Amino acid sequence: MHGEKIKIVIVLGPTCSGKTELAVRLAERCDGEIVNADSMQVYRGMEIGTAKPSPELLRRVPHHLIGIVDPDADFSASDFRREAARTIADIHRRGRRAFVVGGTGLYIKALLKGLVDSPSGAETIRQELQETARRLGSGELLRRLAEVDPETAGRLHPNDQVRIVRALEVYLQSGRPISRFRSEHDFAGDYYDCLKIGIAVERGELYRRIEERVERMMAEGFLEEVRGLLAHGFGAGLKSMRAIGYKELCAFLAGAYPLEEAVRLIKRDTRRYAKRQLTWFRQDDEINWVEYPARFDTICNHVIEFFS
């Protein structure tokens, strides 16, 4: 980007924190439009389980990057960065203001700082590693990663198979640990002038909201949504269908456990995901943590001042 940086507002936080509603209210006050930064809401046909904005919220302000690819698309952080940058530039050209909203920390970091220039991947290596994980477990892959890249291995949970496989894939392709690529890159870019707003929610309240949302999703037809996706050929092995909620309901439909157990696991895994989101965001000291809706007027005044 050249010349003066475009000003954008980032509204972030854990799932169920109220990001979308806050962003819509701010966009209404500031002649703004919303750019989705949730890695699951980019998929078509996955409406209920990804908690996409309601039709009423979608009508109130323009939304972008929601439902733009089919569930079998391999949509990456790099794809998001490209599409979000194009969208923000268009919003700016039209004299409006961009609000980037979501809980996918990697997407937000990619947009603001760029991505590590590491090898793009090798399908054969990845399949071999995934087969090893199936036979011996992700813990064995993490042990192997610790031998060649202890820095990365120390940051990963044994169940985080996707990132473990990716780190080993990079090493086997290049002979260099992915941590070295990260160190050289250091996320050094600064592509926007941004104000980061994070919604702070007391943990007990957040978990209560998660429980209620999962119950509401089930009542709204989440199981039927999953059945429909499977019927249209979007199999349980797809990256999108391995997301929280979808994988548990796919397992139920395959006879792995009762529906009550699937719902319990969705709630549990969503709580764990919220905790991981908070851990990621708490590392960023640029985030202004706020209470919403209690402090909406203060938040709004801060955003207006930022844009002006």
Foldseek 3Di string as FASTA:
>chain_A
DDDAFAEAEEEEAAPLLCFLVLVLVLCLVFVAEEEEPAPQQLEPLQDLVSVPDDPVSCVSHPYPSGRNYHLQDPQDLVNLLVVVVVVQVVCVVVVHYYYYYDLPVSNVLCNFQNDQPFDPFDPVQLVVLVVCCVVPNLQVLLVVCCVQPVPVSVVDDSNPNVVSSVQVRRCVVPVHGVVVSCVVSVSPGGRHNYQAEYEDDPLVVSLVSLLVSLVVSVVVPNLVSLVVCVVVPSDCPGPSCVDQLNNLSNCVVVVNDDPVVSSVRSSVVSSVSSVVSCVSVVVDPSYDYDHPPVCSVVVSVVVVVVVD
